[in-house]
Amino acid sequence: MVEKYRGVVPPGSIWFRLNRDESMALMQHQGMLEKMTPEQIMALDSADIQAAKGKVAELEQMLKDAGLKIVTLYD
């Protein structure tokens, strides 16, 4: 599950943490994975994505469209 959390820097920012499999699923959904070499794919790791101000809902929808579930770690 993609973790949604509040960041410290900048204060009140919203971040999403993806593990390696989730990162790959998102890149596959965006059509980026097939453009990568096998070496680049092997080097993929987890990722933290900061949502731009006012774009949290858009980023959440993109993650959901990629088949990923989101768990919010704050109230």
PDB file of N, CA and C in Angstrom:
ATOM      1  N   MET A   1       0.833  -1.186   0.000  1.00  0.00           N
ATOM      2  CA  MET A   1       0.000   0.000   0.000  1.00  0.00           C
ATOM      3  C   MET A   1       0.872   1.241   0.000  1.00  0.00           C
ATOM      4  N   VAL A   2       0.501   2.188  -0.807  1.00  0.00           N
ATOM      5  CA  VAL A   2       1.191   3.468  -0.853  1.00  0.00           C
ATOM      6  C   VAL A   2       0.856   4.216   0.438  1.00  0.00           C
ATOM      7  N   GLU A   3       1.879   4.708   1.110  1.00  0.00           N
ATOM      8  CA  GLU A   3       1.667   5.454   2.346  1.00  0.00           C
ATOM      9  C   GLU A   3       1.596   6.943   2.044  1.00  0.00           C
ATOM     10  N   LYS A   4       0.546   7.581   2.537  1.00  0.00           N
ATOM     11  CA  LYS A   4       0.382   9.029   2.395  1.00  0.00           C
ATOM     12  C   LYS A   4       0.680   9.635   3.759  1.00  0.00           C
ATOM     13  N   TYR A   5       1.596  10.607   3.786  1.00  0.00           N
ATOM     14  CA  TYR A   5       1.964  11.188   5.075  1.00  0.00           C
ATOM     15  C   TYR A   5       2.285  12.672   4.940  1.00  0.00           C
ATOM     16  N   ARG A   6       2.266  13.361   6.066  1.00  0.00           N
ATOM     17  CA  ARG A   6       2.641  14.777   6.097  1.00  0.00           C
ATOM     18  C   ARG A   6       4.154  14.865   6.277  1.00  0.00           C
ATOM     19  N   GLY A   7       4.757  15.718   5.478  1.00  0.00           N
ATOM     20  CA  GLY A   7       6.193  15.911   5.568  1.00  0.00           C
ATOM     21  C   GLY A   7       6.551  17.035   6.530  1.00  0.00           C
ATOM     22  N   VAL A   8       7.777  17.025   6.943  1.00  0.00           N
ATOM     23  CA  VAL A   8       8.286  18.060   7.832  1.00  0.00           C
ATOM     24  C   VAL A   8       8.783  19.253   7.007  1.00  0.00           C
ATOM     25  N   VAL A   9       9.397  18.959   5.872  1.00  0.00           N
ATOM     26  CA  VAL A   9       9.946  19.999   5.011  1.00  0.00           C
ATOM     27  C   VAL A   9       9.340  19.868   3.629  1.00  0.00           C
ATOM     28  N   PRO A  10       8.691  20.821   3.081  1.00  0.00           N
ATOM     29  CA  PRO A  10       8.209  22.018   3.776  1.00  0.00           C
ATOM     30  C   PRO A  10       7.078  21.664   4.735  1.00  0.00           C
ATOM     31  N   PRO A  11       6.890  22.489   5.747  1.00  0.00           N
ATOM     32  CA  PRO A  11       5.861  22.195   6.759  1.00  0.00           C
ATOM     33  C   PRO A  11       4.485  21.978   6.121  1.00  0.00           C
ATOM     34  N   GLY A  12       3.808  20.915   6.553  1.00  0.00           N
ATOM     35  CA  GLY A  12       2.468  20.621   6.074  1.00  0.00           C
ATOM     36  C   GLY A  12       2.402  19.999   4.688  1.00  0.00           C
ATOM     37  N   SER A  13       3.544  19.693   4.099  1.00  0.00           N
ATOM     38  CA  SER A  13       3.551  19.085   2.763  1.00  0.00           C
ATOM     39  C   SER A  13       2.985  17.670   2.824  1.00  0.00           C
ATOM     40  N   ILE A  14       2.496  17.196   1.685  1.00  0.00           N
ATOM     41  CA  ILE A  14       1.929  15.853   1.585  1.00  0.00           C
ATOM     42  C   ILE A  14       2.853  15.022   0.695  1.00  0.00           C
ATOM     43  N   TRP A  15       3.196  13.844   1.201  1.00  0.00           N
ATOM     44  CA  TRP A  15       4.106  12.940   0.503  1.00  0.00           C
ATOM     45  C   TRP A  15       3.459  11.579   0.358  1.00  0.00           C
ATOM     46  N   PHE A  16       3.927  10.835  -0.633  1.00  0.00           N
ATOM     47  CA  PHE A  16       3.495   9.458  -0.864  1.00  0.00           C
ATOM     48  C   PHE A  16       4.745   8.588  -0.954  1.00  0.00           C
ATOM     49  N   ARG A  17       4.763   7.488  -0.201  1.00  0.00           N
ATOM     50  CA  ARG A  17       5.897   6.560  -0.211  1.00  0.00           C
ATOM     51  C   ARG A  17       5.473   5.285  -0.928  1.00  0.00           C
ATOM     52  N   LEU A  18       6.231   4.938  -1.973  1.00  0.00           N
ATOM     53  CA  LEU A  18       5.964   3.742  -2.766  1.00  0.00           C
ATOM     54  C   LEU A  18       7.123   2.774  -2.608  1.00  0.00           C
ATOM     55  N   ASN A  19       6.815   1.494  -2.441  1.00  0.00           N
ATOM     56  CA  ASN A  19       7.887   0.507  -2.436  1.00  0.00           C
ATOM     57  C   ASN A  19       8.289   0.226  -3.887  1.00  0.00           C
ATOM     58  N   ARG A  20       9.245  -0.639  -4.098  1.00  0.00           N
ATOM     59  CA  ARG A  20       9.761  -0.896  -5.447  1.00  0.00           C
ATOM     60  C   ARG A  20       8.666  -1.382  -6.395  1.00  0.00           C
ATOM     61  N   ASP A  21       7.851  -2.321  -5.945  1.00  0.00           N
ATOM     62  CA  ASP A  21       6.790  -2.859  -6.801  1.00  0.00           C
ATOM     63  C   ASP A  21       5.771  -1.784  -7.163  1.00  0.00           C
ATOM     64  N   GLU A  22       5.439  -0.931  -6.201  1.00  0.00           N
ATOM     65  CA  GLU A  22       4.492   0.147  -6.467  1.00  0.00           C
ATOM     66  C   GLU A  22       5.090   1.161  -7.441  1.00  0.00           C
ATOM     67  N   SER A  23       6.368   1.455  -7.278  1.00  0.00           N
ATOM     68  CA  SER A  23       7.057   2.370  -8.200  1.00  0.00           C
ATOM     69  C   SER A  23       7.011   1.815  -9.617  1.00  0.00           C
ATOM     70  N   MET A  24       7.264   0.522  -9.746  1.00  0.00           N
ATOM     71  CA  MET A  24       7.242  -0.111 -11.058  1.00  0.00           C
ATOM     72  C   MET A  24       5.829  -0.097 -11.651  1.00  0.00           C
ATOM     73  N   ALA A  25       4.819  -0.341 -10.830  1.00  0.00           N
ATOM     74  CA  ALA A  25       3.434  -0.328 -11.312  1.00  0.00           C
ATOM     75  C   ALA A  25       3.055   1.060 -11.824  1.00  0.00           C
ATOM     76  N   LEU A  26       3.462   2.096 -11.102  1.00  0.00           N
ATOM     77  CA  LEU A  26       3.161   3.457 -11.528  1.00  0.00           C
ATOM     78  C   LEU A  26       3.885   3.789 -12.832  1.00  0.00           C
ATOM     79  N   MET A  27       5.134   3.402 -12.930  1.00  0.00           N
ATOM     80  CA  MET A  27       5.893   3.666 -14.152  1.00  0.00           C
ATOM     81  C   MET A  27       5.320   2.883 -15.336  1.00  0.00           C
ATOM     82  N   GLN A  28       4.857   1.680 -15.084  1.00  0.00           N
ATOM     83  CA  GLN A  28       4.215   0.875 -16.135  1.00  0.00           C
ATOM     84  C   GLN A  28       2.942   1.569 -16.604  1.00  0.00           C
ATOM     85  N   HIS A  29       2.148   2.040 -15.665  1.00  0.00           N
ATOM     86  CA  HIS A  29       0.897   2.736 -15.989  1.00  0.00           C
ATOM     87  C   HIS A  29       1.157   3.990 -16.823  1.00  0.00           C
ATOM     88  N   GLN A  30       2.262   4.676 -16.540  1.00  0.00           N
ATOM     89  CA  GLN A  30       2.594   5.912 -17.253  1.00  0.00           C
ATOM     90  C   GLN A  30       3.336   5.656 -18.564  1.00  0.00           C
ATOM     91  N   GLY A  31       3.613   4.389 -18.871  1.00  0.00           N
ATOM     92  CA  GLY A  31       4.296   4.053 -20.110  1.00  0.00           C
ATOM     93  C   GLY A  31       5.793   4.296 -20.076  1.00  0.00           C
ATOM     94  N   MET A  32       6.347   4.459 -18.897  1.00  0.00           N
ATOM     95  CA  MET A  32       7.774   4.748 -18.763  1.00  0.00           C
ATOM     96  C   MET A  32       8.628   3.485 -18.697  1.00  0.00           C
ATOM     97  N   LEU A  33       8.077   2.414 -18.185  1.00  0.00           N
ATOM     98  CA  LEU A  33       8.855   1.203 -17.945  1.00  0.00           C
ATOM     99  C   LEU A  33       9.385   0.589 -19.234  1.00  0.00           C
ATOM    100  N   GLU A  34       8.567   0.580 -20.284  1.00  0.00           N
ATOM    101  CA  GLU A  34       9.010  -0.030 -21.537  1.00  0.00           C
ATOM    102  C   GLU A  34      10.087   0.781 -22.249  1.00  0.00           C
ATOM    103  N   LYS A  35      10.301   2.016 -21.826  1.00  0.00           N
ATOM    104  CA  LYS A  35      11.354   2.849 -22.411  1.00  0.00           C
ATOM    105  C   LYS A  35      12.695   2.682 -21.694  1.00  0.00           C
ATOM    106  N   MET A  36      12.690   1.895 -20.625  1.00  0.00           N
ATOM    107  CA  MET A  36      13.891   1.721 -19.810  1.00  0.00           C
ATOM    108  C   MET A  36      14.649   0.462 -20.201  1.00  0.00           C
ATOM    109  N   THR A  37      15.951   0.507 -19.974  1.00  0.00           N
ATOM    110  CA  THR A  37      16.788  -0.660 -20.226  1.00  0.00           C
ATOM    111  C   THR A  37      16.616  -1.651 -19.072  1.00  0.00           C
ATOM    112  N   PRO A  38      16.959  -2.918 -19.281  1.00  0.00           N
ATOM    113  CA  PRO A  38      16.893  -3.882 -18.177  1.00  0.00           C
ATOM    114  C   PRO A  38      17.740  -3.448 -16.977  1.00  0.00           C
ATOM    115  N   GLU A  39      18.860  -2.808 -17.233  1.00  0.00           N
ATOM    116  CA  GLU A  39      19.721  -2.335 -16.140  1.00  0.00           C
ATOM    117  C   GLU A  39      19.029  -1.238 -15.331  1.00  0.00           C
ATOM    118  N   GLN A  40      18.322  -0.340 -16.019  1.00  0.00           N
ATOM    119  CA  GLN A  40      17.601   0.724 -15.323  1.00  0.00           C
ATOM    120  C   GLN A  40      16.461   0.143 -14.491  1.00  0.00           C
ATOM    121  N   ILE A  41      15.788  -0.848 -15.032  1.00  0.00           N
ATOM    122  CA  ILE A  41      14.691  -1.488 -14.301  1.00  0.00           C
ATOM    123  C   ILE A  41      15.231  -2.189 -13.060  1.00  0.00           C
ATOM    124  N   MET A  42      16.360  -2.855 -13.195  1.00  0.00           N
ATOM    125  CA  MET A  42      16.962  -3.547 -12.042  1.00  0.00           C
ATOM    126  C   MET A  42      17.353  -2.557 -10.942  1.00  0.00           C
ATOM    127  N   ALA A  43      17.680  -1.328 -11.325  1.00  0.00           N
ATOM    128  CA  ALA A  43      18.123  -0.324 -10.358  1.00  0.00           C
ATOM    129  C   ALA A  43      16.961   0.398  -9.673  1.00  0.00           C
ATOM    130  N   LEU A  44      15.728   0.159 -10.142  1.00  0.00           N
ATOM    131  CA  LEU A  44      14.577   0.824  -9.531  1.00  0.00           C
ATOM    132  C   LEU A  44      14.463   0.438  -8.064  1.00  0.00           C
ATOM    133  N   ASP A  45      14.044   1.409  -7.256  1.00  0.00           N
ATOM    134  CA  ASP A  45      13.896   1.184  -5.827  1.00  0.00           C
ATOM    135  C   ASP A  45      12.612   1.876  -5.366  1.00  0.00           C
ATOM    136  N   SER A  46      12.456   1.988  -4.084  1.00  0.00           N
ATOM    137  CA  SER A  46      11.296   2.686  -3.540  1.00  0.00           C
ATOM    138  C   SER A  46      11.381   4.164  -3.899  1.00  0.00           C
ATOM    139  N   ALA A  47      10.264   4.865  -3.729  1.00  0.00           N
ATOM    140  CA  ALA A  47      10.244   6.282  -4.086  1.00  0.00           C
ATOM    141  C   ALA A  47       9.353   7.052  -3.126  1.00  0.00           C
ATOM    142  N   ASP A  48       9.738   8.301  -2.871  1.00  0.00           N
ATOM    143  CA  ASP A  48       8.906   9.248  -2.144  1.00  0.00           C
ATOM    144  C   ASP A  48       8.528  10.340  -3.129  1.00  0.00           C
ATOM    145  N   ILE A  49       7.242  10.634  -3.217  1.00  0.00           N
ATOM    146  CA  ILE A  49       6.746  11.646  -4.146  1.00  0.00           C
ATOM    147  C   ILE A  49       6.053  12.739  -3.348  1.00  0.00           C
ATOM    148  N   GLN A  50       6.499  13.975  -3.533  1.00  0.00           N
ATOM    149  CA  GLN A  50       5.832  15.101  -2.892  1.00  0.00           C
ATOM    150  C   GLN A  50       4.745  15.611  -3.823  1.00  0.00           C
ATOM    151  N   ALA A  51       3.553  15.768  -3.279  1.00  0.00           N
ATOM    152  CA  ALA A  51       2.447  16.310  -4.062  1.00  0.00           C
ATOM    153  C   ALA A  51       2.600  17.822  -4.135  1.00  0.00           C
ATOM    154  N   ALA A  52       2.544  18.361  -5.329  1.00  0.00           N
ATOM    155  CA  ALA A  52       2.598  19.813  -5.489  1.00  0.00           C
ATOM    156  C   ALA A  52       1.365  20.422  -4.831  1.00  0.00           C
ATOM    157  N   LYS A  53       1.525  21.623  -4.324  1.00  0.00           N
ATOM    158  CA  LYS A  53       0.420  22.287  -3.647  1.00  0.00           C
ATOM    159  C   LYS A  53      -0.793  22.353  -4.578  1.00  0.00           C
ATOM    160  N   GLY A  54      -1.930  21.902  -4.073  1.00  0.00           N
ATOM    161  CA  GLY A  54      -3.163  21.898  -4.850  1.00  0.00           C
ATOM    162  C   GLY A  54      -3.308  20.720  -5.800  1.00  0.00           C
ATOM    163  N   LYS A  55      -2.351  19.797  -5.795  1.00  0.00           N
ATOM    164  CA  LYS A  55      -2.370  18.666  -6.726  1.00  0.00           C
ATOM    165  C   LYS A  55      -2.475  17.313  -6.025  1.00  0.00           C
ATOM    166  N   VAL A  56      -2.814  17.312  -4.740  1.00  0.00           N
ATOM    167  CA  VAL A  56      -2.884  16.059  -3.983  1.00  0.00           C
ATOM    168  C   VAL A  56      -3.931  15.124  -4.577  1.00  0.00           C
ATOM    169  N   ALA A  57      -5.127  15.638  -4.847  1.00  0.00           N
ATOM    170  CA  ALA A  57      -6.201  14.795  -5.387  1.00  0.00           C
ATOM    171  C   ALA A  57      -5.807  14.230  -6.751  1.00  0.00           C
ATOM    172  N   GLU A  58      -5.159  15.036  -7.564  1.00  0.00           N
ATOM    173  CA  GLU A  58      -4.727  14.584  -8.891  1.00  0.00           C
ATOM    174  C   GLU A  58      -3.699  13.463  -8.783  1.00  0.00           C
ATOM    175  N   LEU A  59      -2.752  13.604  -7.866  1.00  0.00           N
ATOM    176  CA  LEU A  59      -1.741  12.566  -7.660  1.00  0.00           C
ATOM    177  C   LEU A  59      -2.376  11.296  -7.098  1.00  0.00           C
ATOM    178  N   GLU A  60      -3.289  11.457  -6.158  1.00  0.00           N
ATOM    179  CA  GLU A  60      -3.992  10.291  -5.615  1.00  0.00           C
ATOM    180  C   GLU A  60      -4.731   9.542  -6.721  1.00  0.00           C
ATOM    181  N   GLN A  61      -5.393  10.277  -7.603  1.00  0.00           N
ATOM    182  CA  GLN A  61      -6.138   9.635  -8.686  1.00  0.00           C
ATOM    183  C   GLN A  61      -5.193   8.892  -9.621  1.00  0.00           C
ATOM    184  N   MET A  62      -4.038   9.474  -9.907  1.00  0.00           N
ATOM    185  CA  MET A  62      -3.058   8.818 -10.767  1.00  0.00           C
ATOM    186  C   MET A  62      -2.595   7.507 -10.136  1.00  0.00           C
ATOM    187  N   LEU A  63      -2.352   7.510  -8.831  1.00  0.00           N
ATOM    188  CA  LEU A  63      -1.932   6.292  -8.130  1.00  0.00           C
ATOM    189  C   LEU A  63      -3.041   5.241  -8.164  1.00  0.00           C
ATOM    190  N   LYS A  64      -4.280   5.669  -7.946  1.00  0.00           N
ATOM    191  CA  LYS A  64      -5.411   4.740  -7.989  1.00  0.00           C
ATOM    192  C   LYS A  64      -5.597   4.173  -9.393  1.00  0.00           C
ATOM    193  N   ASP A  65      -5.439   5.018 -10.407  1.00  0.00           N
ATOM    194  CA  ASP A  65      -5.571   4.555 -11.796  1.00  0.00           C
ATOM    195  C   ASP A  65      -4.513   3.508 -12.137  1.00  0.00           C
ATOM    196  N   ALA A  66      -3.374   3.572 -11.449  1.00  0.00           N
ATOM    197  CA  ALA A  66      -2.312   2.596 -11.647  1.00  0.00           C
ATOM    198  C   ALA A  66      -2.574   1.311 -10.863  1.00  0.00           C
ATOM    199  N   GLY A  67      -3.703   1.262 -10.149  1.00  0.00           N
ATOM    200  CA  GLY A  67      -4.067   0.064  -9.403  1.00  0.00           C
ATOM    201  C   GLY A  67      -3.492   0.009  -8.004  1.00  0.00           C
ATOM    202  N   LEU A  68      -3.026   1.147  -7.503  1.00  0.00           N
ATOM    203  CA  LEU A  68      -2.396   1.174  -6.181  1.00  0.00           C
ATOM    204  C   LEU A  68      -3.383   1.656  -5.131  1.00  0.00           C
ATOM    205  N   LYS A  69      -3.276   1.085  -3.943  1.00  0.00           N
ATOM    206  CA  LYS A  69      -4.116   1.487  -2.816  1.00  0.00           C
ATOM    207  C   LYS A  69      -3.314   2.416  -1.930  1.00  0.00           C
ATOM    208  N   ILE A  70      -3.999   3.394  -1.348  1.00  0.00           N
ATOM    209  CA  ILE A  70      -3.347   4.410  -0.526  1.00  0.00           C
ATOM    210  C   ILE A  70      -3.826   4.270   0.913  1.00  0.00           C
ATOM    211  N   VAL A  71      -2.890   4.332   1.848  1.00  0.00           N
ATOM    212  CA  VAL A  71      -3.231   4.358   3.267  1.00  0.00           C
ATOM    213  C   VAL A  71      -2.713   5.687   3.815  1.00  0.00           C
ATOM    214  N   THR A  72      -3.608   6.441   4.457  1.00  0.00           N
ATOM    215  CA  THR A  72      -3.248   7.740   5.021  1.00  0.00           C
ATOM    216  C   THR A  72      -2.750   7.542   6.447  1.00  0.00           C
ATOM    217  N   LEU A  73      -1.569   8.081   6.733  1.00  0.00           N
ATOM    218  CA  LEU A  73      -0.944   7.874   8.041  1.00  0.00           C
ATOM    219  C   LEU A  73      -1.127   9.043   8.992  1.00  0.00           C
ATOM    220  N   TYR A  74      -2.090   9.910   8.711  1.00  0.00           N
ATOM    221  CA  TYR A  74      -2.392  11.024   9.609  1.00  0.00           C
ATOM    222  C   TYR A  74      -3.883  11.277   9.583  1.00  0.00           C
ATOM    223  N   ASP A  75      -4.349  12.054  10.571  1.00  0.00           N
ATOM    224  CA  ASP A  75      -5.790  12.377  10.648  1.00  0.00           C
ATOM    225  C   ASP A  75      -6.068  13.641   9.893  1.00  0.00           C
TER     226      ASP A  75
END
